[in-house]
Amino acid sequence: MEYGGRRGIADAVPGAVTRYCEADARRDPDAIVALFTEDAVVTDEGLTRRGSEEIRAWQEGVAGQYQYTTELLGAEVAGEDTVLVTGRLEGNFPGGTAVLKWRFSLTDGHIRDLEIAP
């Protein structure tokens, strides 16, 4: 993700969140899957994916079908193991722009739950 001049935000969130953003910007499904616990859950576009195989399929399928850039608008630690990130996507998906929120729940330095929604 581009941090839009807000590098301090990246410094304020746990490493797994920063690494997820970087791997997403590179379109690197292997790196993304490695950040999740084996029984992790991802909810995106109203669909829930469970476990490494479904998360990989999500990354290689619906999450990877469009070209886009993401500008990080904000991030906050919202509890001991929860991080909220807001970003603006621009790309070739329907509508061309979207503001999304990612809610990361972490366990032992890995993502156990990720919800992506407008």
N, C-alpha and C. Protein backbone atom coordinates (compact mmCIF):
# COMPACT_ATOMS: atom_id res chain seq x y z
N MET A 1 0.84 -1.18 0.00
CA MET A 1 0.00 0.00 0.00
C MET A 1 0.88 1.23 0.00
N GLU A 2 0.43 2.23 -0.67
CA GLU A 2 1.07 3.53 -0.56
C GLU A 2 0.57 4.13 0.74
N TYR A 3 1.46 4.79 1.43
CA TYR A 3 1.06 5.34 2.72
C TYR A 3 0.74 6.82 2.64
N GLY A 4 0.70 7.39 1.44
CA GLY A 4 0.25 8.76 1.27
C GLY A 4 0.91 9.75 2.20
N GLY A 5 2.22 9.58 2.45
CA GLY A 5 2.92 10.50 3.33
C GLY A 5 2.71 10.23 4.80
N ARG A 6 2.06 9.14 5.13
CA ARG A 6 1.75 8.84 6.53
C ARG A 6 2.54 7.65 7.03
N ARG A 7 3.82 7.67 6.85
CA ARG A 7 4.67 6.54 7.26
C ARG A 7 4.52 6.23 8.75
N GLY A 8 4.21 7.23 9.57
CA GLY A 8 4.07 7.01 11.00
C GLY A 8 2.96 6.02 11.33
N ILE A 9 1.92 5.96 10.50
CA ILE A 9 0.84 5.01 10.73
C ILE A 9 1.37 3.59 10.62
N ALA A 10 2.19 3.34 9.60
CA ALA A 10 2.75 2.00 9.43
C ALA A 10 3.58 1.60 10.63
N ASP A 11 4.25 2.56 11.25
CA ASP A 11 5.06 2.27 12.42
C ASP A 11 4.21 1.94 13.64
N ALA A 12 2.94 2.39 13.64
CA ALA A 12 2.09 2.26 14.82
C ALA A 12 1.32 0.94 14.86
N VAL A 13 1.29 0.19 13.75
CA VAL A 13 0.51 -1.05 13.73
C VAL A 13 1.43 -2.26 13.78
N PRO A 14 0.92 -3.41 14.21
CA PRO A 14 1.75 -4.62 14.28
C PRO A 14 2.30 -5.02 12.92
N GLY A 15 3.43 -5.70 12.95
CA GLY A 15 4.13 -6.10 11.73
C GLY A 15 3.30 -6.92 10.77
N ALA A 16 2.43 -7.80 11.26
CA ALA A 16 1.63 -8.64 10.36
C ALA A 16 0.72 -7.79 9.48
N VAL A 17 0.22 -6.69 10.02
CA VAL A 17 -0.66 -5.80 9.25
C VAL A 17 0.16 -5.07 8.18
N THR A 18 1.31 -4.56 8.56
CA THR A 18 2.18 -3.89 7.59
C THR A 18 2.61 -4.85 6.49
N ARG A 19 2.99 -6.07 6.87
CA ARG A 19 3.41 -7.06 5.88
C ARG A 19 2.26 -7.46 4.95
N TYR A 20 1.03 -7.52 5.49
CA TYR A 20 -0.13 -7.81 4.66
C TYR A 20 -0.30 -6.71 3.60
N CYS A 21 -0.21 -5.46 4.03
CA CYS A 21 -0.38 -4.33 3.11
C CYS A 21 0.70 -4.36 2.02
N GLU A 22 1.92 -4.65 2.41
CA GLU A 22 3.02 -4.71 1.44
C GLU A 22 2.83 -5.87 0.46
N ALA A 23 2.45 -7.04 0.97
CA ALA A 23 2.25 -8.20 0.10
C ALA A 23 1.06 -7.99 -0.83
N ASP A 24 0.03 -7.33 -0.34
CA ASP A 24 -1.13 -7.02 -1.18
C ASP A 24 -0.72 -6.09 -2.31
N ALA A 25 0.10 -5.10 -2.02
CA ALA A 25 0.56 -4.16 -3.05
C ALA A 25 1.39 -4.88 -4.12
N ARG A 26 2.13 -5.93 -3.71
CA ARG A 26 2.94 -6.72 -4.66
C ARG A 26 2.13 -7.80 -5.35
N ARG A 27 0.89 -8.02 -4.90
CA ARG A 27 0.06 -9.13 -5.39
C ARG A 27 0.77 -10.45 -5.17
N ASP A 28 1.14 -10.71 -3.92
CA ASP A 28 1.93 -11.89 -3.57
C ASP A 28 1.09 -12.83 -2.69
N PRO A 29 0.30 -13.73 -3.30
CA PRO A 29 -0.56 -14.62 -2.52
C PRO A 29 0.19 -15.49 -1.52
N ASP A 30 1.40 -15.96 -1.88
CA ASP A 30 2.16 -16.81 -0.96
C ASP A 30 2.49 -16.06 0.32
N ALA A 31 2.94 -14.81 0.18
CA ALA A 31 3.28 -14.00 1.35
C ALA A 31 2.04 -13.70 2.18
N ILE A 32 0.92 -13.45 1.51
CA ILE A 32 -0.31 -13.14 2.24
C ILE A 32 -0.78 -14.36 3.02
N VAL A 33 -0.86 -15.51 2.39
CA VAL A 33 -1.32 -16.72 3.07
C VAL A 33 -0.44 -17.04 4.28
N ALA A 34 0.86 -16.81 4.16
CA ALA A 34 1.79 -17.09 5.25
C ALA A 34 1.55 -16.23 6.49
N LEU A 35 0.85 -15.12 6.33
CA LEU A 35 0.59 -14.21 7.46
C LEU A 35 -0.58 -14.67 8.32
N PHE A 36 -1.38 -15.60 7.82
CA PHE A 36 -2.59 -16.04 8.52
C PHE A 36 -2.35 -17.30 9.33
N THR A 37 -3.13 -17.47 10.40
CA THR A 37 -3.13 -18.74 11.12
C THR A 37 -3.76 -19.78 10.20
N GLU A 38 -3.52 -21.06 10.47
CA GLU A 38 -4.05 -22.12 9.60
C GLU A 38 -5.56 -22.16 9.58
N ASP A 39 -6.20 -21.74 10.68
CA ASP A 39 -7.66 -21.76 10.75
C ASP A 39 -8.27 -20.37 10.64
N ALA A 40 -7.55 -19.44 10.02
CA ALA A 40 -8.00 -18.06 9.89
C ALA A 40 -9.28 -17.95 9.07
N VAL A 41 -9.96 -16.82 9.27
CA VAL A 41 -11.20 -16.52 8.56
C VAL A 41 -11.05 -15.16 7.89
N VAL A 42 -11.44 -15.09 6.60
CA VAL A 42 -11.46 -13.83 5.87
C VAL A 42 -12.87 -13.61 5.36
N THR A 43 -13.41 -12.42 5.61
CA THR A 43 -14.71 -12.04 5.08
C THR A 43 -14.50 -10.85 4.16
N ASP A 44 -14.86 -11.03 2.88
CA ASP A 44 -14.70 -9.99 1.87
C ASP A 44 -15.86 -10.10 0.89
N GLU A 45 -16.42 -8.98 0.50
CA GLU A 45 -17.55 -8.94 -0.42
C GLU A 45 -18.70 -9.83 0.07
N GLY A 46 -18.87 -9.89 1.39
CA GLY A 46 -19.95 -10.65 1.98
C GLY A 46 -19.75 -12.15 2.03
N LEU A 47 -18.61 -12.63 1.55
CA LEU A 47 -18.33 -14.06 1.57
C LEU A 47 -17.24 -14.37 2.59
N THR A 48 -17.36 -15.52 3.24
CA THR A 48 -16.40 -15.94 4.25
C THR A 48 -15.56 -17.08 3.73
N ARG A 49 -14.24 -16.93 3.91
CA ARG A 49 -13.30 -17.99 3.55
C ARG A 49 -12.62 -18.47 4.82
N ARG A 50 -12.49 -19.79 4.96
CA ARG A 50 -11.90 -20.36 6.17
C ARG A 50 -10.69 -21.22 5.81
N GLY A 51 -9.60 -20.99 6.53
CA GLY A 51 -8.41 -21.82 6.36
C GLY A 51 -7.55 -21.40 5.19
N SER A 52 -6.34 -21.92 5.19
CA SER A 52 -5.31 -21.53 4.22
C SER A 52 -5.72 -21.77 2.78
N GLU A 53 -6.36 -22.91 2.49
CA GLU A 53 -6.73 -23.21 1.10
C GLU A 53 -7.75 -22.21 0.56
N GLU A 54 -8.76 -21.89 1.35
CA GLU A 54 -9.78 -20.94 0.89
C GLU A 54 -9.22 -19.53 0.80
N ILE A 55 -8.33 -19.17 1.71
CA ILE A 55 -7.71 -17.85 1.66
C ILE A 55 -6.83 -17.74 0.41
N ARG A 56 -6.09 -18.78 0.09
CA ARG A 56 -5.29 -18.77 -1.14
C ARG A 56 -6.20 -18.64 -2.37
N ALA A 57 -7.29 -19.40 -2.41
CA ALA A 57 -8.21 -19.33 -3.54
C ALA A 57 -8.79 -17.93 -3.67
N TRP A 58 -9.10 -17.28 -2.55
CA TRP A 58 -9.59 -15.90 -2.56
C TRP A 58 -8.54 -14.97 -3.15
N GLN A 59 -7.29 -15.12 -2.73
CA GLN A 59 -6.22 -14.26 -3.23
C GLN A 59 -5.96 -14.49 -4.72
N GLU A 60 -6.00 -15.72 -5.14
CA GLU A 60 -5.71 -16.03 -6.55
C GLU A 60 -6.93 -15.82 -7.43
N GLY A 61 -8.11 -15.71 -6.84
CA GLY A 61 -9.34 -15.53 -7.60
C GLY A 61 -9.85 -14.12 -7.50
N VAL A 62 -10.88 -13.94 -6.71
CA VAL A 62 -11.59 -12.66 -6.66
C VAL A 62 -10.69 -11.50 -6.22
N ALA A 63 -9.81 -11.71 -5.27
CA ALA A 63 -8.95 -10.62 -4.79
C ALA A 63 -7.90 -10.23 -5.80
N GLY A 64 -7.58 -11.12 -6.73
CA GLY A 64 -6.54 -10.84 -7.70
C GLY A 64 -7.03 -10.53 -9.10
N GLN A 65 -8.34 -10.45 -9.29
CA GLN A 65 -8.86 -10.28 -10.64
C GLN A 65 -8.78 -8.85 -11.16
N TYR A 66 -8.57 -7.88 -10.30
CA TYR A 66 -8.49 -6.48 -10.73
C TYR A 66 -7.12 -5.90 -10.42
N GLN A 67 -6.74 -4.89 -11.18
CA GLN A 67 -5.53 -4.12 -10.91
C GLN A 67 -5.96 -2.87 -10.14
N TYR A 68 -5.27 -2.58 -9.05
CA TYR A 68 -5.63 -1.41 -8.25
C TYR A 68 -4.45 -0.95 -7.42
N THR A 69 -4.55 0.27 -6.97
CA THR A 69 -3.60 0.80 -5.99
C THR A 69 -4.39 1.15 -4.74
N THR A 70 -3.72 1.13 -3.62
CA THR A 70 -4.36 1.43 -2.35
C THR A 70 -3.59 2.52 -1.65
N GLU A 71 -4.30 3.55 -1.23
CA GLU A 71 -3.70 4.60 -0.42
C GLU A 71 -4.20 4.44 1.01
N LEU A 72 -3.31 4.27 1.94
CA LEU A 72 -3.68 4.13 3.34
C LEU A 72 -4.14 5.49 3.86
N LEU A 73 -5.35 5.54 4.39
CA LEU A 73 -5.91 6.79 4.93
C LEU A 73 -5.76 6.88 6.43
N GLY A 74 -5.74 5.73 7.09
CA GLY A 74 -5.61 5.74 8.53
C GLY A 74 -5.52 4.33 9.09
N ALA A 75 -5.00 4.25 10.30
CA ALA A 75 -4.90 2.97 10.99
C ALA A 75 -4.92 3.23 12.48
N GLU A 76 -5.55 2.34 13.19
CA GLU A 76 -5.57 2.47 14.65
C GLU A 76 -5.60 1.11 15.31
N VAL A 77 -4.91 1.02 16.41
CA VAL A 77 -4.97 -0.17 17.23
C VAL A 77 -6.23 -0.02 18.07
N ALA A 78 -7.16 -0.97 17.92
CA ALA A 78 -8.47 -0.87 18.55
C ALA A 78 -8.65 -1.90 19.65
N GLY A 79 -7.60 -2.26 20.29
CA GLY A 79 -7.64 -3.27 21.33
C GLY A 79 -6.34 -4.02 21.32
N GLU A 80 -6.22 -4.93 22.24
CA GLU A 80 -4.97 -5.67 22.40
C GLU A 80 -4.57 -6.43 21.14
N ASP A 81 -5.56 -6.92 20.38
CA ASP A 81 -5.23 -7.74 19.22
C ASP A 81 -6.03 -7.35 17.97
N THR A 82 -6.55 -6.13 17.92
CA THR A 82 -7.36 -5.69 16.80
C THR A 82 -6.80 -4.40 16.21
N VAL A 83 -6.70 -4.37 14.88
CA VAL A 83 -6.22 -3.19 14.17
C VAL A 83 -7.23 -2.86 13.09
N LEU A 84 -7.61 -1.58 13.00
CA LEU A 84 -8.51 -1.10 11.95
C LEU A 84 -7.71 -0.26 10.98
N VAL A 85 -7.84 -0.56 9.69
CA VAL A 85 -7.13 0.18 8.64
C VAL A 85 -8.18 0.69 7.66
N THR A 86 -8.05 1.93 7.23
CA THR A 86 -8.92 2.50 6.21
C THR A 86 -8.06 2.87 5.02
N GLY A 87 -8.54 2.54 3.82
CA GLY A 87 -7.79 2.85 2.62
C GLY A 87 -8.70 3.15 1.44
N ARG A 88 -8.14 3.84 0.47
CA ARG A 88 -8.86 4.19 -0.75
C ARG A 88 -8.23 3.42 -1.91
N LEU A 89 -9.05 2.62 -2.60
CA LEU A 89 -8.60 1.86 -3.75
C LEU A 89 -9.00 2.57 -5.03
N GLU A 90 -8.10 2.55 -6.00
CA GLU A 90 -8.40 3.03 -7.34
C GLU A 90 -7.94 1.95 -8.31
N GLY A 91 -8.81 1.60 -9.25
CA GLY A 91 -8.43 0.56 -10.20
C GLY A 91 -9.48 0.29 -11.24
N ASN A 92 -9.35 -0.89 -11.87
CA ASN A 92 -10.23 -1.24 -12.98
C ASN A 92 -11.41 -2.11 -12.54
N PHE A 93 -11.80 -2.04 -11.29
CA PHE A 93 -12.97 -2.76 -10.79
C PHE A 93 -14.21 -1.89 -11.00
N PRO A 94 -15.41 -2.46 -10.94
CA PRO A 94 -16.62 -1.66 -11.14
C PRO A 94 -16.66 -0.46 -10.19
N GLY A 95 -16.87 0.71 -10.74
CA GLY A 95 -16.91 1.93 -9.94
C GLY A 95 -15.58 2.66 -9.92
N GLY A 96 -14.48 1.94 -10.06
CA GLY A 96 -13.16 2.53 -10.17
C GLY A 96 -12.51 3.04 -8.90
N THR A 97 -13.28 3.39 -7.89
CA THR A 97 -12.73 3.82 -6.60
C THR A 97 -13.59 3.26 -5.48
N ALA A 98 -12.98 3.04 -4.35
CA ALA A 98 -13.71 2.56 -3.18
C ALA A 98 -12.91 2.90 -1.93
N VAL A 99 -13.61 3.24 -0.88
CA VAL A 99 -12.98 3.39 0.44
C VAL A 99 -13.39 2.16 1.23
N LEU A 100 -12.37 1.43 1.70
CA LEU A 100 -12.61 0.19 2.44
C LEU A 100 -12.01 0.25 3.82
N LYS A 101 -12.54 -0.61 4.69
CA LYS A 101 -12.00 -0.78 6.03
C LYS A 101 -11.62 -2.24 6.21
N TRP A 102 -10.43 -2.44 6.74
CA TRP A 102 -9.93 -3.77 7.04
C TRP A 102 -9.87 -3.89 8.56
N ARG A 103 -10.50 -4.90 9.12
CA ARG A 103 -10.42 -5.17 10.56
C ARG A 103 -9.60 -6.44 10.73
N PHE A 104 -8.40 -6.27 11.26
CA PHE A 104 -7.50 -7.39 11.50
C PHE A 104 -7.59 -7.81 12.95
N SER A 105 -7.75 -9.09 13.21
CA SER A 105 -7.63 -9.66 14.55
C SER A 105 -6.41 -10.57 14.52
N LEU A 106 -5.54 -10.39 15.50
CA LEU A 106 -4.24 -11.06 15.50
C LEU A 106 -4.09 -12.03 16.66
N THR A 107 -3.28 -13.06 16.43
CA THR A 107 -2.89 -14.02 17.45
C THR A 107 -1.43 -14.37 17.22
N ASP A 108 -0.61 -14.18 18.23
CA ASP A 108 0.80 -14.57 18.15
C ASP A 108 1.48 -14.09 16.87
N GLY A 109 1.22 -12.85 16.48
CA GLY A 109 1.89 -12.27 15.32
C GLY A 109 1.32 -12.69 13.98
N HIS A 110 0.20 -13.42 13.97
CA HIS A 110 -0.45 -13.84 12.73
C HIS A 110 -1.89 -13.31 12.70
N ILE A 111 -2.43 -13.22 11.51
CA ILE A 111 -3.81 -12.78 11.32
C ILE A 111 -4.73 -13.98 11.52
N ARG A 112 -5.67 -13.87 12.44
CA ARG A 112 -6.63 -14.97 12.64
C ARG A 112 -7.97 -14.65 12.04
N ASP A 113 -8.24 -13.35 11.84
CA ASP A 113 -9.53 -12.94 11.29
C ASP A 113 -9.31 -11.62 10.54
N LEU A 114 -9.88 -11.52 9.34
CA LEU A 114 -9.82 -10.30 8.56
C LEU A 114 -11.19 -10.05 7.96
N GLU A 115 -11.74 -8.88 8.25
CA GLU A 115 -13.01 -8.46 7.66
C GLU A 115 -12.72 -7.24 6.80
N ILE A 116 -13.16 -7.28 5.53
CA ILE A 116 -12.99 -6.17 4.60
C ILE A 116 -14.37 -5.71 4.18
N ALA A 117 -14.65 -4.42 4.38
CA ALA A 117 -15.99 -3.90 4.07
C ALA A 117 -15.90 -2.40 3.78
N PRO A 118 -16.91 -1.90 3.08
CA PRO A 118 -16.95 -0.44 2.83
C PRO A 118 -17.11 0.33 4.13
